[in-house]
Structure formats: C-alpha cells, structure tokens
Amino acid sequence: MKRLSVFAILLFAACASTMPANDAEEAIRKADAEFATNARAGNVAALAAVYADDAVIMPPNAPAFRGPDAIRQFWTGFLAAGQIDVALTPDKVTQSGDLAAEIGHYDLTITPKGAAPIHDKGKYLVTWRRTGGTWKIIGDIFNSDQPLPR
C-alpha cells in the first residue's frame, strides 16, 4: 500500500510539472502596457506583432480586419488620426491551457494635429492563444461607452 501511495504522488508530480503554467495574466498585463507604449510611439509594427497570423480585430462601426496585412492597415489608419494616449486596464483574465480571455476597459485620447483632443472610454474583450511560449491575440473587439450622437 505504501508503494502505491508513493507511486501516486510521483505520478501526480510528473503530470503537474508537464501541465502548462497559468501564466496568462502576468503576460497579458505586460503586453497591454507595451501595447499602450507602442500606440503612444506610433509603432504600427510593434502593435501588429502582438496578433497571431489568424487574428481578427472587430472595431466599432467598421468591418472586421482579418490577418496580418489587414491588422497593419487598421493600426496604420488608427494611428494616423493623431497623437494617441491610451491606457488598457484588464479587469479579468481567465486562462484555460493555451487560451485566455481578457475583459477590460480603456481610456483613450486622440489629439489630431491642430485640433482639440478627442477623449473616449470603453471596454474590450480580447482572446489570446499561447503559441511557442508567447501569448498572441487571436480576437480583439472593443467599443465605446459614449452614447451615440442623436
């Protein structure tokens, strides 16, 4: 009986050590901070690099942007609107193996050249997938908390 208990403990330890770490929250919080820094710097390449090759961005009032070229196109256009200042705040990160879902909120200011700043607050839902030890976005949807103009 004692051998069976030792075997069971060793088997559990071996299985536990091969399970993927629950590392999503820390990695995603870091990625969000870097994303905001890259948006402020106007670094389209760095913004696009966070997305997986099969990713999709679903912005409000626009069609979905699918794949690397479309995602670069979206961020190029977005950053062309003016100086960006954004804060991304994850409210909840839920991980299951190599997938994670992030629910959060944003605070965004766009300052067009020669114009008054435009401020927006809203929420987002991002789906992440760990590939080769790196977390990449596979789905990104966000929308404003501002009421629609009447």
N, C-alpha and C. Protein backbone atom coordinates (compact mmCIF):
# COMPACT_ATOMS: atom_id res chain seq x y z
N MET A 1 0.82 -1.19 0.00
CA MET A 1 0.00 0.00 0.00
C MET A 1 0.87 1.26 0.00
N LYS A 2 1.98 1.19 0.77
CA LYS A 2 2.87 2.34 0.85
C LYS A 2 3.48 2.63 -0.51
N ARG A 3 3.85 1.57 -1.26
CA ARG A 3 4.41 1.76 -2.60
C ARG A 3 3.39 2.41 -3.54
N LEU A 4 2.14 2.00 -3.42
CA LEU A 4 1.10 2.57 -4.25
C LEU A 4 0.95 4.06 -3.97
N SER A 5 1.01 4.48 -2.72
CA SER A 5 0.90 5.89 -2.36
C SER A 5 2.08 6.69 -2.91
N VAL A 6 3.28 6.15 -2.79
CA VAL A 6 4.46 6.82 -3.31
C VAL A 6 4.35 6.94 -4.83
N PHE A 7 3.91 5.86 -5.48
CA PHE A 7 3.73 5.90 -6.93
C PHE A 7 2.71 6.96 -7.34
N ALA A 8 1.60 7.02 -6.62
CA ALA A 8 0.55 8.00 -6.93
C ALA A 8 1.09 9.43 -6.77
N ILE A 9 1.87 9.69 -5.74
CA ILE A 9 2.44 11.02 -5.53
C ILE A 9 3.42 11.36 -6.64
N LEU A 10 4.28 10.42 -7.01
CA LEU A 10 5.23 10.66 -8.09
C LEU A 10 4.52 10.89 -9.43
N LEU A 11 3.48 10.12 -9.69
CA LEU A 11 2.72 10.27 -10.91
C LEU A 11 2.05 11.65 -10.95
N PHE A 12 1.46 12.06 -9.85
CA PHE A 12 0.83 13.38 -9.79
C PHE A 12 1.86 14.48 -10.00
N ALA A 13 3.01 14.37 -9.38
CA ALA A 13 4.07 15.38 -9.53
C ALA A 13 4.55 15.45 -10.97
N ALA A 14 4.69 14.31 -11.62
CA ALA A 14 5.13 14.29 -13.02
C ALA A 14 4.09 14.93 -13.92
N CYS A 15 2.84 14.64 -13.70
CA CYS A 15 1.78 15.24 -14.51
C CYS A 15 1.69 16.74 -14.26
N ALA A 16 1.79 17.15 -13.04
CA ALA A 16 1.70 18.58 -12.71
C ALA A 16 2.84 19.36 -13.34
N SER A 17 4.01 18.77 -13.42
CA SER A 17 5.16 19.50 -13.96
C SER A 17 5.08 19.63 -15.48
N THR A 18 4.25 18.81 -16.14
CA THR A 18 4.14 18.91 -17.60
C THR A 18 2.94 19.75 -18.02
N MET A 19 2.10 20.16 -17.07
CA MET A 19 0.95 20.99 -17.40
C MET A 19 1.43 22.41 -17.67
N PRO A 20 0.79 23.12 -18.62
CA PRO A 20 1.21 24.49 -18.88
C PRO A 20 0.97 25.38 -17.67
N ALA A 21 1.86 26.33 -17.48
CA ALA A 21 1.74 27.24 -16.36
C ALA A 21 0.56 28.18 -16.58
N ASN A 22 -0.05 28.59 -15.48
CA ASN A 22 -1.09 29.60 -15.55
C ASN A 22 -0.42 30.97 -15.55
N ASP A 23 0.15 31.30 -16.69
CA ASP A 23 0.96 32.50 -16.83
C ASP A 23 0.29 33.61 -17.61
N ALA A 24 -0.94 33.40 -18.02
CA ALA A 24 -1.59 34.34 -18.92
C ALA A 24 -1.73 35.73 -18.32
N GLU A 25 -2.20 35.83 -17.10
CA GLU A 25 -2.50 37.16 -16.55
C GLU A 25 -1.26 38.05 -16.50
N GLU A 26 -0.18 37.54 -16.00
CA GLU A 26 1.05 38.34 -15.93
C GLU A 26 1.53 38.73 -17.33
N ALA A 27 1.52 37.79 -18.26
CA ALA A 27 1.97 38.07 -19.62
C ALA A 27 1.06 39.07 -20.32
N ILE A 28 -0.24 38.95 -20.11
CA ILE A 28 -1.20 39.84 -20.76
C ILE A 28 -1.11 41.25 -20.18
N ARG A 29 -0.97 41.36 -18.89
CA ARG A 29 -0.81 42.70 -18.29
C ARG A 29 0.45 43.39 -18.83
N LYS A 30 1.51 42.63 -18.98
CA LYS A 30 2.74 43.18 -19.53
C LYS A 30 2.53 43.57 -21.00
N ALA A 31 1.88 42.72 -21.76
CA ALA A 31 1.61 43.00 -23.17
C ALA A 31 0.73 44.24 -23.33
N ASP A 32 -0.25 44.41 -22.45
CA ASP A 32 -1.11 45.59 -22.50
C ASP A 32 -0.31 46.87 -22.27
N ALA A 33 0.58 46.85 -21.30
CA ALA A 33 1.42 48.03 -21.02
C ALA A 33 2.31 48.34 -22.22
N GLU A 34 2.90 47.31 -22.82
CA GLU A 34 3.75 47.51 -24.00
C GLU A 34 2.92 48.00 -25.19
N PHE A 35 1.70 47.49 -25.31
CA PHE A 35 0.82 47.91 -26.39
C PHE A 35 0.53 49.41 -26.28
N ALA A 36 0.21 49.86 -25.09
CA ALA A 36 -0.07 51.29 -24.86
C ALA A 36 1.16 52.13 -25.18
N THR A 37 2.33 51.69 -24.77
CA THR A 37 3.58 52.40 -25.06
C THR A 37 3.80 52.49 -26.57
N ASN A 38 3.58 51.38 -27.27
CA ASN A 38 3.77 51.36 -28.73
C ASN A 38 2.72 52.21 -29.46
N ALA A 39 1.50 52.27 -28.93
CA ALA A 39 0.48 53.13 -29.53
C ALA A 39 0.88 54.59 -29.38
N ARG A 40 1.37 54.98 -28.19
CA ARG A 40 1.83 56.36 -27.97
C ARG A 40 2.98 56.71 -28.91
N ALA A 41 3.84 55.73 -29.18
CA ALA A 41 5.00 55.96 -30.04
C ALA A 41 4.66 55.86 -31.52
N GLY A 42 3.44 55.44 -31.85
CA GLY A 42 3.06 55.30 -33.25
C GLY A 42 3.72 54.12 -33.94
N ASN A 43 4.05 53.09 -33.19
CA ASN A 43 4.79 51.94 -33.72
C ASN A 43 3.83 50.86 -34.23
N VAL A 44 3.43 50.99 -35.49
CA VAL A 44 2.49 50.05 -36.10
C VAL A 44 3.04 48.62 -36.09
N ALA A 45 4.32 48.46 -36.42
CA ALA A 45 4.91 47.12 -36.50
C ALA A 45 4.81 46.41 -35.15
N ALA A 46 5.08 47.12 -34.07
CA ALA A 46 5.02 46.51 -32.73
C ALA A 46 3.58 46.18 -32.35
N LEU A 47 2.63 47.05 -32.72
CA LEU A 47 1.22 46.76 -32.42
C LEU A 47 0.77 45.51 -33.16
N ALA A 48 1.11 45.43 -34.44
CA ALA A 48 0.68 44.29 -35.27
C ALA A 48 1.35 42.99 -34.82
N ALA A 49 2.54 43.08 -34.26
CA ALA A 49 3.29 41.88 -33.86
C ALA A 49 2.64 41.14 -32.70
N VAL A 50 1.74 41.78 -31.99
CA VAL A 50 1.06 41.14 -30.85
C VAL A 50 -0.01 40.17 -31.32
N TYR A 51 -0.40 40.27 -32.58
CA TYR A 51 -1.50 39.47 -33.12
C TYR A 51 -0.98 38.20 -33.81
N ALA A 52 -1.72 37.12 -33.66
CA ALA A 52 -1.41 35.87 -34.36
C ALA A 52 -1.74 36.05 -35.84
N ASP A 53 -1.19 35.19 -36.69
CA ASP A 53 -1.42 35.28 -38.13
C ASP A 53 -2.89 35.13 -38.51
N ASP A 54 -3.67 34.43 -37.69
CA ASP A 54 -5.09 34.21 -37.99
C ASP A 54 -6.00 35.12 -37.16
N ALA A 55 -5.46 36.19 -36.61
CA ALA A 55 -6.21 37.08 -35.73
C ALA A 55 -7.22 37.93 -36.49
N VAL A 56 -8.18 38.45 -35.73
CA VAL A 56 -9.18 39.36 -36.26
C VAL A 56 -9.39 40.50 -35.25
N ILE A 57 -9.49 41.74 -35.78
CA ILE A 57 -9.86 42.90 -34.98
C ILE A 57 -11.27 43.29 -35.42
N MET A 58 -12.15 43.51 -34.44
CA MET A 58 -13.53 43.90 -34.73
C MET A 58 -13.81 45.25 -34.07
N PRO A 59 -13.41 46.34 -34.75
CA PRO A 59 -13.63 47.66 -34.18
C PRO A 59 -15.09 48.09 -34.35
N PRO A 60 -15.52 49.08 -33.58
CA PRO A 60 -16.90 49.55 -33.73
C PRO A 60 -17.08 50.28 -35.06
N ASN A 61 -18.26 50.15 -35.61
CA ASN A 61 -18.65 50.89 -36.81
C ASN A 61 -17.73 50.64 -38.01
N ALA A 62 -17.18 49.45 -38.09
CA ALA A 62 -16.28 49.10 -39.19
C ALA A 62 -16.33 47.59 -39.40
N PRO A 63 -15.92 47.14 -40.58
CA PRO A 63 -15.86 45.70 -40.80
C PRO A 63 -14.70 45.09 -40.01
N ALA A 64 -14.70 43.79 -39.92
CA ALA A 64 -13.61 43.08 -39.25
C ALA A 64 -12.35 43.14 -40.12
N PHE A 65 -11.20 43.19 -39.47
CA PHE A 65 -9.90 43.17 -40.13
C PHE A 65 -9.25 41.84 -39.80
N ARG A 66 -9.01 41.02 -40.81
CA ARG A 66 -8.51 39.66 -40.60
C ARG A 66 -7.13 39.48 -41.20
N GLY A 67 -6.22 38.94 -40.39
CA GLY A 67 -4.88 38.62 -40.87
C GLY A 67 -3.90 39.77 -40.74
N PRO A 68 -2.62 39.46 -40.88
CA PRO A 68 -1.55 40.43 -40.63
C PRO A 68 -1.64 41.71 -41.45
N ASP A 69 -1.90 41.59 -42.76
CA ASP A 69 -1.93 42.79 -43.61
C ASP A 69 -3.09 43.71 -43.22
N ALA A 70 -4.25 43.14 -43.00
CA ALA A 70 -5.42 43.94 -42.62
C ALA A 70 -5.22 44.57 -41.23
N ILE A 71 -4.61 43.83 -40.33
CA ILE A 71 -4.38 44.37 -38.98
C ILE A 71 -3.39 45.53 -39.04
N ARG A 72 -2.34 45.40 -39.84
CA ARG A 72 -1.41 46.54 -40.02
C ARG A 72 -2.13 47.73 -40.64
N GLN A 73 -2.99 47.46 -41.61
CA GLN A 73 -3.77 48.53 -42.25
C GLN A 73 -4.65 49.24 -41.21
N PHE A 74 -5.32 48.48 -40.36
CA PHE A 74 -6.17 49.08 -39.34
C PHE A 74 -5.36 49.99 -38.42
N TRP A 75 -4.25 49.47 -37.88
CA TRP A 75 -3.47 50.26 -36.92
C TRP A 75 -2.79 51.45 -37.60
N THR A 76 -2.41 51.32 -38.86
CA THR A 76 -1.85 52.46 -39.59
C THR A 76 -2.87 53.59 -39.68
N GLY A 77 -4.09 53.24 -40.03
CA GLY A 77 -5.15 54.24 -40.12
C GLY A 77 -5.51 54.83 -38.77
N PHE A 78 -5.57 54.00 -37.76
CA PHE A 78 -5.92 54.46 -36.41
C PHE A 78 -4.88 55.45 -35.91
N LEU A 79 -3.61 55.11 -36.06
CA LEU A 79 -2.54 55.97 -35.56
C LEU A 79 -2.42 57.25 -36.38
N ALA A 80 -2.89 57.23 -37.63
CA ALA A 80 -2.84 58.43 -38.47
C ALA A 80 -3.83 59.50 -37.99
N ALA A 81 -4.76 59.12 -37.13
CA ALA A 81 -5.77 60.07 -36.64
C ALA A 81 -5.15 61.17 -35.77
N GLY A 82 -3.99 60.92 -35.18
CA GLY A 82 -3.34 61.91 -34.33
C GLY A 82 -2.51 61.24 -33.25
N GLN A 83 -2.03 62.04 -32.33
CA GLN A 83 -1.25 61.51 -31.21
C GLN A 83 -2.17 60.68 -30.31
N ILE A 84 -1.75 59.49 -30.00
CA ILE A 84 -2.55 58.55 -29.21
C ILE A 84 -2.02 58.48 -27.79
N ASP A 85 -2.94 58.55 -26.84
CA ASP A 85 -2.62 58.26 -25.44
C ASP A 85 -3.69 57.29 -24.95
N VAL A 86 -3.28 56.10 -24.60
CA VAL A 86 -4.25 55.08 -24.22
C VAL A 86 -3.76 54.33 -22.99
N ALA A 87 -4.71 53.96 -22.15
CA ALA A 87 -4.46 53.07 -21.00
C ALA A 87 -5.40 51.89 -21.14
N LEU A 88 -4.84 50.69 -21.09
CA LEU A 88 -5.62 49.45 -21.13
C LEU A 88 -5.58 48.85 -19.74
N THR A 89 -6.75 48.55 -19.20
CA THR A 89 -6.83 48.00 -17.85
C THR A 89 -7.58 46.68 -17.87
N PRO A 90 -6.87 45.57 -17.70
CA PRO A 90 -7.56 44.28 -17.63
C PRO A 90 -8.37 44.19 -16.33
N ASP A 91 -9.65 43.88 -16.46
CA ASP A 91 -10.50 43.68 -15.29
C ASP A 91 -10.50 42.22 -14.86
N LYS A 92 -10.38 41.34 -15.85
CA LYS A 92 -10.39 39.90 -15.56
C LYS A 92 -9.67 39.16 -16.67
N VAL A 93 -8.79 38.25 -16.29
CA VAL A 93 -8.13 37.36 -17.24
C VAL A 93 -8.43 35.93 -16.81
N THR A 94 -8.99 35.17 -17.72
CA THR A 94 -9.33 33.77 -17.45
C THR A 94 -8.53 32.91 -18.40
N GLN A 95 -7.81 31.95 -17.87
CA GLN A 95 -6.97 31.08 -18.68
C GLN A 95 -7.44 29.64 -18.60
N SER A 96 -7.37 28.97 -19.74
CA SER A 96 -7.60 27.53 -19.81
C SER A 96 -6.57 26.96 -20.78
N GLY A 97 -5.52 26.39 -20.23
CA GLY A 97 -4.45 25.84 -21.06
C GLY A 97 -3.78 26.92 -21.88
N ASP A 98 -3.79 26.76 -23.19
CA ASP A 98 -3.12 27.71 -24.09
C ASP A 98 -4.05 28.81 -24.60
N LEU A 99 -5.22 28.94 -24.02
CA LEU A 99 -6.15 30.00 -24.37
C LEU A 99 -6.44 30.87 -23.15
N ALA A 100 -6.66 32.16 -23.40
CA ALA A 100 -7.02 33.07 -22.32
C ALA A 100 -7.98 34.12 -22.87
N ALA A 101 -8.88 34.57 -22.01
CA ALA A 101 -9.80 35.65 -22.35
C ALA A 101 -9.54 36.80 -21.39
N GLU A 102 -9.44 37.98 -21.96
CA GLU A 102 -9.21 39.20 -21.18
C GLU A 102 -10.40 40.12 -21.37
N ILE A 103 -11.01 40.53 -20.27
CA ILE A 103 -12.07 41.52 -20.28
C ILE A 103 -11.51 42.75 -19.58
N GLY A 104 -11.64 43.91 -20.21
CA GLY A 104 -11.08 45.09 -19.60
C GLY A 104 -11.74 46.37 -20.08
N HIS A 105 -11.13 47.47 -19.69
CA HIS A 105 -11.63 48.77 -20.13
C HIS A 105 -10.45 49.65 -20.56
N TYR A 106 -10.76 50.63 -21.38
CA TYR A 106 -9.72 51.51 -21.89
C TYR A 106 -10.09 52.97 -21.65
N ASP A 107 -9.06 53.79 -21.65
CA ASP A 107 -9.19 55.24 -21.59
C ASP A 107 -8.30 55.77 -22.70
N LEU A 108 -8.90 56.44 -23.67
CA LEU A 108 -8.21 56.81 -24.90
C LEU A 108 -8.36 58.30 -25.18
N THR A 109 -7.26 58.94 -25.53
CA THR A 109 -7.30 60.31 -26.04
C THR A 109 -6.54 60.35 -27.35
N ILE A 110 -7.19 60.88 -28.37
CA ILE A 110 -6.56 61.10 -29.67
C ILE A 110 -6.49 62.60 -29.87
N THR A 111 -5.29 63.11 -30.12
CA THR A 111 -5.11 64.54 -30.36
C THR A 111 -4.69 64.73 -31.81
N PRO A 112 -5.67 65.08 -32.68
CA PRO A 112 -5.32 65.34 -34.08
C PRO A 112 -4.47 66.61 -34.19
N LYS A 113 -3.63 66.69 -35.21
CA LYS A 113 -2.81 67.88 -35.40
C LYS A 113 -3.70 69.09 -35.60
N GLY A 114 -3.45 70.12 -34.78
CA GLY A 114 -4.18 71.37 -34.90
C GLY A 114 -5.63 71.31 -34.45
N ALA A 115 -6.02 70.28 -33.72
CA ALA A 115 -7.42 70.16 -33.29
C ALA A 115 -7.47 69.79 -31.80
N ALA A 116 -8.64 69.94 -31.25
CA ALA A 116 -8.84 69.61 -29.84
C ALA A 116 -8.79 68.10 -29.64
N PRO A 117 -8.31 67.68 -28.48
CA PRO A 117 -8.27 66.24 -28.18
C PRO A 117 -9.66 65.61 -28.18
N ILE A 118 -9.71 64.37 -28.58
CA ILE A 118 -10.93 63.58 -28.56
C ILE A 118 -10.73 62.51 -27.48
N HIS A 119 -11.64 62.46 -26.51
CA HIS A 119 -11.49 61.52 -25.40
C HIS A 119 -12.58 60.46 -25.47
N ASP A 120 -12.20 59.24 -25.18
CA ASP A 120 -13.15 58.14 -25.19
C ASP A 120 -12.79 57.16 -24.08
N LYS A 121 -13.82 56.57 -23.52
CA LYS A 121 -13.67 55.46 -22.58
C LYS A 121 -14.54 54.34 -23.09
N GLY A 122 -14.09 53.11 -22.89
CA GLY A 122 -14.87 51.98 -23.35
C GLY A 122 -14.39 50.67 -22.76
N LYS A 123 -14.83 49.60 -23.37
CA LYS A 123 -14.48 48.26 -22.88
C LYS A 123 -14.03 47.40 -24.03
N TYR A 124 -13.37 46.29 -23.67
CA TYR A 124 -12.86 45.39 -24.70
C TYR A 124 -12.88 43.95 -24.21
N LEU A 125 -12.83 43.06 -25.17
CA LEU A 125 -12.70 41.63 -24.92
C LEU A 125 -11.65 41.12 -25.90
N VAL A 126 -10.59 40.53 -25.38
CA VAL A 126 -9.51 40.03 -26.21
C VAL A 126 -9.31 38.54 -25.89
N THR A 127 -9.19 37.75 -26.94
CA THR A 127 -8.89 36.33 -26.79
C THR A 127 -7.43 36.13 -27.18
N TRP A 128 -6.71 35.43 -26.33
CA TRP A 128 -5.28 35.19 -26.52
C TRP A 128 -5.02 33.70 -26.69
N ARG A 129 -3.98 33.37 -27.44
CA ARG A 129 -3.54 31.97 -27.58
C ARG A 129 -2.03 31.93 -27.38
N ARG A 130 -1.59 30.98 -26.55
CA ARG A 130 -0.15 30.79 -26.34
C ARG A 130 0.37 29.87 -27.45
N THR A 131 1.34 30.38 -28.18
CA THR A 131 1.97 29.62 -29.25
C THR A 131 3.48 29.72 -29.07
N GLY A 132 4.13 28.59 -28.92
CA GLY A 132 5.58 28.61 -28.75
C GLY A 132 6.03 29.40 -27.53
N GLY A 133 5.21 29.40 -26.49
CA GLY A 133 5.57 30.10 -25.26
C GLY A 133 5.22 31.59 -25.26
N THR A 134 4.66 32.10 -26.36
CA THR A 134 4.32 33.52 -26.45
C THR A 134 2.82 33.68 -26.59
N TRP A 135 2.26 34.63 -25.85
CA TRP A 135 0.82 34.91 -25.94
C TRP A 135 0.58 35.89 -27.09
N LYS A 136 -0.33 35.51 -27.98
CA LYS A 136 -0.70 36.33 -29.14
C LYS A 136 -2.21 36.52 -29.15
N ILE A 137 -2.63 37.66 -29.64
CA ILE A 137 -4.07 37.95 -29.75
C ILE A 137 -4.63 37.22 -30.97
N ILE A 138 -5.78 36.57 -30.76
CA ILE A 138 -6.47 35.95 -31.89
C ILE A 138 -7.83 36.61 -32.15
N GLY A 139 -8.35 37.32 -31.18
CA GLY A 139 -9.61 38.04 -31.34
C GLY A 139 -9.59 39.29 -30.50
N ASP A 140 -9.97 40.43 -31.09
CA ASP A 140 -9.91 41.72 -30.42
C ASP A 140 -11.15 42.52 -30.79
N ILE A 141 -11.99 42.79 -29.81
CA ILE A 141 -13.20 43.59 -30.05
C ILE A 141 -13.29 44.64 -28.96
N PHE A 142 -13.65 45.85 -29.36
CA PHE A 142 -13.76 46.94 -28.39
C PHE A 142 -14.85 47.90 -28.83
N ASN A 143 -15.41 48.62 -27.86
CA ASN A 143 -16.40 49.62 -28.17
C ASN A 143 -16.51 50.65 -27.07
N SER A 144 -17.02 51.80 -27.46
CA SER A 144 -17.08 52.97 -26.60
C SER A 144 -18.22 52.89 -25.59
N ASP A 145 -18.03 53.56 -24.48
CA ASP A 145 -19.10 53.75 -23.52
C ASP A 145 -19.90 55.02 -23.83
N GLN A 146 -19.43 55.83 -24.78
CA GLN A 146 -20.09 57.08 -25.12
C GLN A 146 -21.41 56.79 -25.83
N PRO A 147 -22.44 57.57 -25.52
CA PRO A 147 -23.71 57.39 -26.23
C PRO A 147 -23.56 57.81 -27.70
N LEU A 148 -24.35 57.18 -28.55
CA LEU A 148 -24.35 57.54 -29.97
C LEU A 148 -24.95 58.94 -30.14
N PRO A 149 -24.40 59.72 -31.06
CA PRO A 149 -24.99 61.04 -31.31
C PRO A 149 -26.41 60.90 -31.86
N ARG A 150 -27.25 61.82 -31.50
CA ARG A 150 -28.66 61.78 -31.99
C ARG A 150 -28.91 62.89 -32.96
